[in-house]
Amino acid sequence: MGCGVITSSDRQLQPGTVLRGKWNGRSYRLERLLGTGSNGQVYLASSGRTACAVKIGNESEELAAEANALKSLGRRERGRPPFLLDVDDAELRDRLVPFYVMQYVPGSSVRSYLKRHGAQWFGVIGYRLLLRLAELHEAGLVFGDLKNDNVLVSDYGRVALVDYGGLTAIGRSVRQFTEIYDRGYWAAGGRTAEPAYDWFAAAVLWIHALDGKRLMSLTRSSLPQTRSWGDLMALVRTHTVLRPMEPWFERAFTGRFADSREACDAWRACLHRSDGEPAATVPGWMTGLFVFSILLFASAAAYWLLQ
């Protein structure tokens, strides 16, 4: 890949801009900006009639590391469509800039989805998210930068992870993270990539999604020397929707699951148990959908085992 950069101060590229790959020769027409981060811009793009997402990087080395992580993911998760589609450089504004192309994943952030469809969806979405994380962990990888913007939800609570810039092999230092989701920020552990790192972030995600105002207030008022995961548990215990899930949150914050499959099972158990009764936040139709999701996942797993 080339060595050009796009700084965060650069204007976003106009719709209709065409990137032509120098090495692979493929062209991508940029349709609109999807998001801007510390290390690049992501655009909805088209290649012929196919929609895709193009990430244009700030630094060649950093973008190459992300692309290599996605290649590794594709090798380890055989049987799933490849997330990474192309890696190349393009001449842009008289300089060579790196980019890579990913599957385009439609959907909205967790917080947006719950605001539109209701908090009762959090149980099913949470379970599906934990299943996806379990698949990554079993492939020897940790997602790392798990947060609201990196989890997209589509129809009927389908979940997809996007922006794999934090994807890290288990045992190494987490490559990217967001402070409020980071267990180190809450004095609850280090930044070594392990399944427990993602469990902690998943727990913070639900507080952010359902009680974001109080979470943000807590981060502004707390001091680094006194901040702890116990502050987060206090939010869980005083929130109507989160309170029935208290046992799961405590184990997630302290890393006390044997593995990610146990984290999934514990989520399911808490979801359907609140003082001996089904949780008030889960209506009957949602329970049926939840059971269907489990059966669908089990059928898919059996299929691949038999191949």
Protein backbone atom coordinates (compact mmCIF):
# COMPACT_ATOMS: atom_id res chain seq x y z
CA MET A 1 0.00 0.00 0.00
CA GLY A 2 1.12 3.60 -0.58
CA CYS A 3 2.25 6.07 2.02
CA GLY A 4 -0.16 8.99 1.53
CA VAL A 5 -2.45 10.22 4.27
CA ILE A 6 -5.84 11.82 4.64
CA THR A 7 -5.97 13.94 7.76
CA SER A 8 -9.06 14.36 9.91
CA SER A 9 -9.18 18.00 8.80
CA ASP A 10 -9.69 17.10 5.15
CA ARG A 11 -13.14 17.76 3.73
CA GLN A 12 -15.26 14.73 3.08
CA LEU A 13 -15.26 13.53 -0.48
CA GLN A 14 -18.18 14.50 -2.66
CA PRO A 15 -20.79 11.92 -3.76
CA GLY A 16 -19.86 10.65 -7.19
CA THR A 17 -16.11 10.61 -6.51
CA VAL A 18 -14.58 7.52 -8.14
CA LEU A 19 -11.65 5.69 -6.57
CA ARG A 20 -9.63 3.65 -9.04
CA GLY A 21 -7.32 1.09 -7.52
CA LYS A 22 -3.74 1.41 -8.74
CA TRP A 23 -2.79 -2.24 -8.23
CA ASN A 24 -6.01 -4.26 -8.65
CA GLY A 25 -7.67 -1.95 -11.18
CA ARG A 26 -11.14 -1.97 -9.59
CA SER A 27 -13.24 1.20 -9.39
CA TYR A 28 -15.61 2.34 -6.64
CA ARG A 29 -18.08 5.21 -6.83
CA LEU A 30 -18.56 6.91 -3.45
CA GLU A 31 -22.24 7.52 -2.66
CA ARG A 32 -22.21 9.08 0.82
CA LEU A 33 -20.20 9.31 4.01
CA LEU A 34 -21.08 6.64 6.57
CA GLY A 35 -18.76 7.70 9.36
CA THR A 36 -15.49 9.36 10.34
CA GLY A 37 -13.09 8.02 12.96
CA SER A 38 -9.64 8.74 14.28
CA ASN A 39 -8.01 6.70 11.55
CA GLY A 40 -10.12 7.24 8.46
CA GLN A 41 -13.39 7.85 6.67
CA VAL A 42 -15.91 5.18 5.65
CA TYR A 43 -18.18 5.66 2.64
CA LEU A 44 -21.08 3.79 1.14
CA ALA A 45 -19.93 2.97 -2.37
CA SER A 46 -20.92 1.01 -5.43
CA SER A 47 -18.98 -1.20 -7.78
CA GLY A 48 -21.22 -1.89 -10.74
CA ARG A 49 -24.52 -2.86 -9.12
CA THR A 50 -22.94 -4.07 -5.90
CA ALA A 51 -23.07 -1.93 -2.76
CA CYS A 52 -20.01 -1.96 -0.53
CA ALA A 53 -18.26 0.13 2.13
CA VAL A 54 -14.91 1.80 1.43
CA LYS A 55 -12.56 2.90 4.20
CA ILE A 56 -9.98 5.52 3.25
CA GLY A 57 -7.18 5.59 5.79
CA ASN A 58 -5.25 8.29 7.57
CA GLU A 59 -2.07 6.20 7.80
CA SER A 60 -0.99 3.44 5.43
CA GLU A 61 0.54 1.25 8.15
CA GLU A 62 -2.50 1.48 10.39
CA LEU A 63 -4.91 0.72 7.56
CA ALA A 64 -2.74 -2.18 6.41
CA ALA A 65 -2.86 -3.62 9.93
CA GLU A 66 -6.67 -3.44 9.87
CA ALA A 67 -6.80 -5.09 6.46
CA ASN A 68 -4.49 -7.87 7.63
CA ALA A 69 -6.70 -8.45 10.67
CA LEU A 70 -9.72 -8.78 8.38
CA LYS A 71 -7.82 -11.23 6.15
CA SER A 72 -7.02 -13.27 9.25
CA LEU A 73 -10.69 -13.21 10.23
CA GLY A 74 -11.66 -14.53 6.81
CA ARG A 75 -9.18 -17.41 7.10
CA ARG A 76 -10.32 -18.35 10.61
CA GLU A 77 -14.05 -18.11 9.95
CA ARG A 78 -14.44 -20.43 7.01
CA GLY A 79 -18.01 -20.81 5.84
CA ARG A 80 -18.90 -17.13 6.32
CA PRO A 81 -18.90 -14.64 3.43
CA PRO A 82 -15.60 -12.69 3.39
CA PHE A 83 -15.86 -9.31 5.10
CA LEU A 84 -12.81 -7.87 3.29
CA LEU A 85 -13.29 -7.53 -0.47
CA ASP A 86 -10.34 -5.49 -1.75
CA VAL A 87 -7.22 -3.62 -0.60
CA ASP A 88 -5.52 -1.03 -2.80
CA ASP A 89 -4.25 2.54 -3.22
CA ALA A 90 -5.87 5.31 -5.26
CA GLU A 91 -4.67 8.67 -6.52
CA LEU A 92 -6.68 11.33 -4.75
CA ARG A 93 -6.00 15.05 -4.63
CA ASP A 94 -2.62 14.52 -6.26
CA ARG A 95 -1.45 11.93 -3.76
CA LEU A 96 -1.67 8.20 -3.32
CA VAL A 97 -3.97 7.14 -0.48
CA PRO A 98 -4.70 3.67 0.92
CA PHE A 99 -8.17 2.18 1.09
CA TYR A 100 -9.88 -1.12 1.62
CA VAL A 101 -13.34 -2.38 0.67
CA MET A 102 -15.72 -4.25 2.95
CA GLN A 103 -19.17 -5.74 2.77
CA TYR A 104 -21.81 -3.06 3.26
CA VAL A 105 -23.87 -3.88 6.35
CA PRO A 106 -27.22 -2.04 6.54
CA GLY A 107 -28.74 -1.24 9.89
CA SER A 108 -28.78 1.26 12.73
CA SER A 109 -26.83 1.54 15.96
CA VAL A 110 -28.10 -0.29 19.03
CA ARG A 111 -29.30 2.91 20.73
CA SER A 112 -31.12 4.09 17.59
CA TYR A 113 -32.77 0.72 17.08
CA LEU A 114 -34.03 0.53 20.67
CA LYS A 115 -35.36 4.09 20.52
CA ARG A 116 -37.29 3.25 17.37
CA HIS A 117 -38.52 -0.26 18.24
CA GLY A 118 -38.53 -0.37 22.04
CA ALA A 119 -36.31 -1.58 24.88
CA GLN A 120 -37.93 -5.04 24.81
CA TRP A 121 -35.62 -5.91 21.92
CA PHE A 122 -32.49 -5.67 24.05
CA GLY A 123 -32.74 -9.29 25.21
CA VAL A 124 -32.70 -10.83 21.74
CA ILE A 125 -30.13 -8.36 20.39
CA GLY A 126 -27.90 -9.00 23.41
CA TYR A 127 -28.01 -12.75 22.93
CA ARG A 128 -27.21 -12.51 19.23
CA LEU A 129 -24.33 -10.14 19.96
CA LEU A 130 -22.86 -12.58 22.48
CA LEU A 131 -23.16 -15.42 19.98
CA ARG A 132 -21.22 -13.39 17.40
CA LEU A 133 -18.54 -12.56 19.95
CA ALA A 134 -18.33 -16.24 20.90
CA GLU A 135 -17.62 -17.12 17.26
CA LEU A 136 -14.79 -14.59 17.15
CA HIS A 137 -13.33 -15.82 20.44
CA GLU A 138 -13.41 -19.43 19.25
CA ALA A 139 -11.48 -18.27 16.17
CA GLY A 140 -8.79 -16.89 18.49
CA LEU A 141 -9.77 -13.22 18.12
CA VAL A 142 -11.16 -10.44 20.29
CA PHE A 143 -13.23 -7.65 18.75
CA GLY A 144 -11.66 -5.03 21.03
CA ASP A 145 -13.45 -1.80 20.11
CA LEU A 146 -16.96 -2.95 20.93
CA LYS A 147 -19.28 0.04 21.24
CA ASN A 148 -22.67 1.36 20.17
CA ASP A 149 -21.50 2.63 16.76
CA ASN A 150 -19.78 -0.66 15.89
CA VAL A 151 -22.85 -2.86 16.38
CA LEU A 152 -25.51 -2.51 13.68
CA VAL A 153 -29.00 -3.92 14.10
CA SER A 154 -31.33 -4.61 11.18
CA ASP A 155 -34.82 -6.08 10.86
CA TYR A 156 -35.98 -8.38 13.67
CA GLY A 157 -32.91 -7.65 15.77
CA ARG A 158 -30.31 -9.12 13.44
CA VAL A 159 -26.84 -8.10 14.59
CA ALA A 160 -23.66 -7.35 12.67
CA LEU A 161 -20.29 -6.10 13.89
CA VAL A 162 -18.63 -3.39 11.80
CA ASP A 163 -15.32 -1.51 11.92
CA TYR A 164 -12.87 -4.26 12.82
CA GLY A 165 -10.05 -1.83 13.56
CA GLY A 166 -9.78 -3.18 17.12
CA LEU A 167 -9.71 -6.86 16.08
CA THR A 168 -6.83 -8.45 18.00
CA ALA A 169 -5.44 -11.96 18.40
CA ILE A 170 -6.02 -13.35 21.88
CA GLY A 171 -3.04 -12.72 24.14
CA ARG A 172 -1.87 -9.50 22.50
CA SER A 173 -2.57 -5.90 23.55
CA VAL A 174 -5.92 -4.58 22.33
CA ARG A 175 -5.25 -2.53 19.19
CA GLN A 176 -8.08 0.03 19.51
CA PHE A 177 -10.60 0.81 22.22
CA THR A 178 -13.05 3.49 23.33
CA GLU A 179 -12.47 4.79 26.84
CA ILE A 180 -15.87 4.35 28.46
CA TYR A 181 -16.09 0.76 27.16
CA ASP A 182 -12.57 -0.10 28.28
CA ARG A 183 -12.19 -2.10 31.50
CA GLY A 184 -8.89 -0.33 32.17
CA TYR A 185 -10.76 2.97 32.31
CA TRP A 186 -12.92 1.51 35.11
CA ALA A 187 -9.96 -0.06 36.95
CA ALA A 188 -11.41 -3.50 36.24
CA GLY A 189 -8.49 -5.13 34.40
CA GLY A 190 -5.82 -4.69 31.78
CA ARG A 191 -5.90 -4.25 28.03
CA THR A 192 -4.77 -7.75 27.09
CA ALA A 193 -7.01 -9.20 24.38
CA GLU A 194 -9.12 -11.94 25.94
CA PRO A 195 -12.83 -12.83 25.83
CA ALA A 196 -13.40 -11.08 29.17
CA TYR A 197 -12.38 -7.78 27.55
CA ASP A 198 -15.32 -8.05 25.13
CA TRP A 199 -17.74 -9.19 27.89
CA PHE A 200 -16.96 -6.04 29.85
CA ALA A 201 -17.52 -3.82 26.81
CA ALA A 202 -20.79 -5.61 26.00
CA ALA A 203 -22.03 -4.88 29.52
CA VAL A 204 -21.15 -1.18 29.19
CA LEU A 205 -22.85 -1.14 25.77
CA TRP A 206 -26.21 -1.97 27.35
CA ILE A 207 -25.87 0.70 30.00
CA HIS A 208 -24.96 3.18 27.27
CA ALA A 209 -27.87 2.07 25.08
CA LEU A 210 -30.54 2.14 27.81
CA ASP A 211 -29.19 4.61 30.39
CA GLY A 212 -26.76 6.73 28.42
CA LYS A 213 -27.52 10.01 30.17
CA ARG A 214 -26.59 8.69 33.61
CA LEU A 215 -23.53 6.87 32.23
CA MET A 216 -22.20 10.06 30.66
CA SER A 217 -22.88 11.96 33.87
CA LEU A 218 -20.94 9.32 35.80
CA THR A 219 -17.91 9.60 33.51
CA ARG A 220 -17.87 13.39 33.94
CA SER A 221 -18.15 13.29 37.73
CA SER A 222 -15.91 10.34 38.60
CA LEU A 223 -12.16 10.60 39.27
CA PRO A 224 -9.66 8.11 37.81
CA GLN A 225 -8.38 7.15 41.27
CA THR A 226 -11.88 6.35 42.59
CA ARG A 227 -13.58 5.05 39.42
CA SER A 228 -14.57 1.36 39.49
CA TRP A 229 -16.86 -1.19 37.89
CA GLY A 230 -18.97 -0.94 41.05
CA ASP A 231 -20.13 2.47 39.79
CA LEU A 232 -21.49 0.73 36.71
CA MET A 233 -23.24 -1.91 38.81
CA ALA A 234 -25.00 0.87 40.72
CA LEU A 235 -26.53 2.03 37.41
CA VAL A 236 -27.63 -1.52 36.59
CA ARG A 237 -29.31 -2.03 39.98
CA THR A 238 -31.31 1.19 39.67
CA HIS A 239 -32.55 0.71 36.11
CA THR A 240 -35.88 -1.04 35.52
CA VAL A 241 -34.85 -2.92 32.36
CA LEU A 242 -31.28 -3.77 33.40
CA ARG A 243 -31.95 -4.79 37.00
CA PRO A 244 -33.26 -8.34 36.20
CA MET A 245 -29.94 -8.96 34.41
CA GLU A 246 -27.82 -7.95 37.44
CA PRO A 247 -26.19 -11.41 37.93
CA TRP A 248 -25.00 -11.42 34.31
CA PHE A 249 -23.60 -7.90 34.53
CA GLU A 250 -21.65 -8.66 37.67
CA ARG A 251 -20.02 -11.71 36.08
CA ALA A 252 -19.29 -9.76 32.88
CA PHE A 253 -17.64 -6.91 34.79
CA THR A 254 -15.47 -9.32 36.78
CA GLY A 255 -14.73 -11.75 33.92
CA ARG A 256 -16.28 -14.71 35.73
CA PHE A 257 -17.51 -16.80 32.80
CA ALA A 258 -15.72 -20.02 31.85
CA ASP A 259 -15.99 -19.00 28.19
CA SER A 260 -18.18 -17.00 25.85
CA ARG A 261 -20.70 -19.80 25.37
CA GLU A 262 -21.30 -19.74 29.12
CA ALA A 263 -21.78 -15.96 28.86
CA CYS A 264 -24.49 -16.63 26.25
CA ASP A 265 -26.19 -19.24 28.45
CA ALA A 266 -26.07 -16.95 31.48
CA TRP A 267 -27.63 -14.11 29.49
CA ARG A 268 -30.45 -16.39 28.38
CA ALA A 269 -31.03 -17.62 31.94
CA CYS A 270 -31.20 -14.10 33.39
CA LEU A 271 -33.43 -12.94 30.59
CA HIS A 272 -36.09 -15.51 31.49
CA ARG A 273 -35.75 -15.34 35.24
CA SER A 274 -36.77 -12.49 37.51
CA ASP A 275 -37.71 -13.73 41.00
CA GLY A 276 -39.04 -16.91 39.46
CA GLU A 277 -41.08 -15.12 36.79
CA PRO A 278 -40.27 -14.26 33.16
CA ALA A 279 -38.64 -10.85 32.93
CA ALA A 280 -41.21 -8.08 32.48
CA THR A 281 -39.25 -6.67 29.56
CA VAL A 282 -39.70 -9.81 27.43
CA PRO A 283 -43.19 -10.27 25.95
CA GLY A 284 -44.41 -13.67 24.85
CA TRP A 285 -43.87 -13.08 21.15
CA MET A 286 -40.27 -12.10 21.87
CA THR A 287 -39.68 -15.37 23.72
CA GLY A 288 -40.79 -17.27 20.62
CA LEU A 289 -38.41 -15.29 18.45
CA PHE A 290 -35.63 -15.90 20.94
CA VAL A 291 -36.19 -19.68 20.86
CA PHE A 292 -36.33 -19.58 17.05
CA SER A 293 -32.96 -17.79 16.97
CA ILE A 294 -31.40 -20.51 19.13
CA LEU A 295 -32.81 -23.31 16.95
CA LEU A 296 -31.64 -21.55 13.77
CA PHE A 297 -28.13 -21.15 15.17
CA ALA A 298 -28.03 -24.82 16.27
CA SER A 299 -29.17 -25.97 12.83
CA ALA A 300 -26.48 -23.90 11.11
CA ALA A 301 -23.81 -25.26 13.44
CA ALA A 302 -24.90 -28.84 12.79
CA TYR A 303 -24.82 -28.21 9.03
CA TRP A 304 -21.23 -27.01 9.05
CA LEU A 305 -20.10 -29.82 11.31
CA LEU A 306 -21.44 -32.34 8.84
CA GLN A 307 -19.70 -30.74 5.84
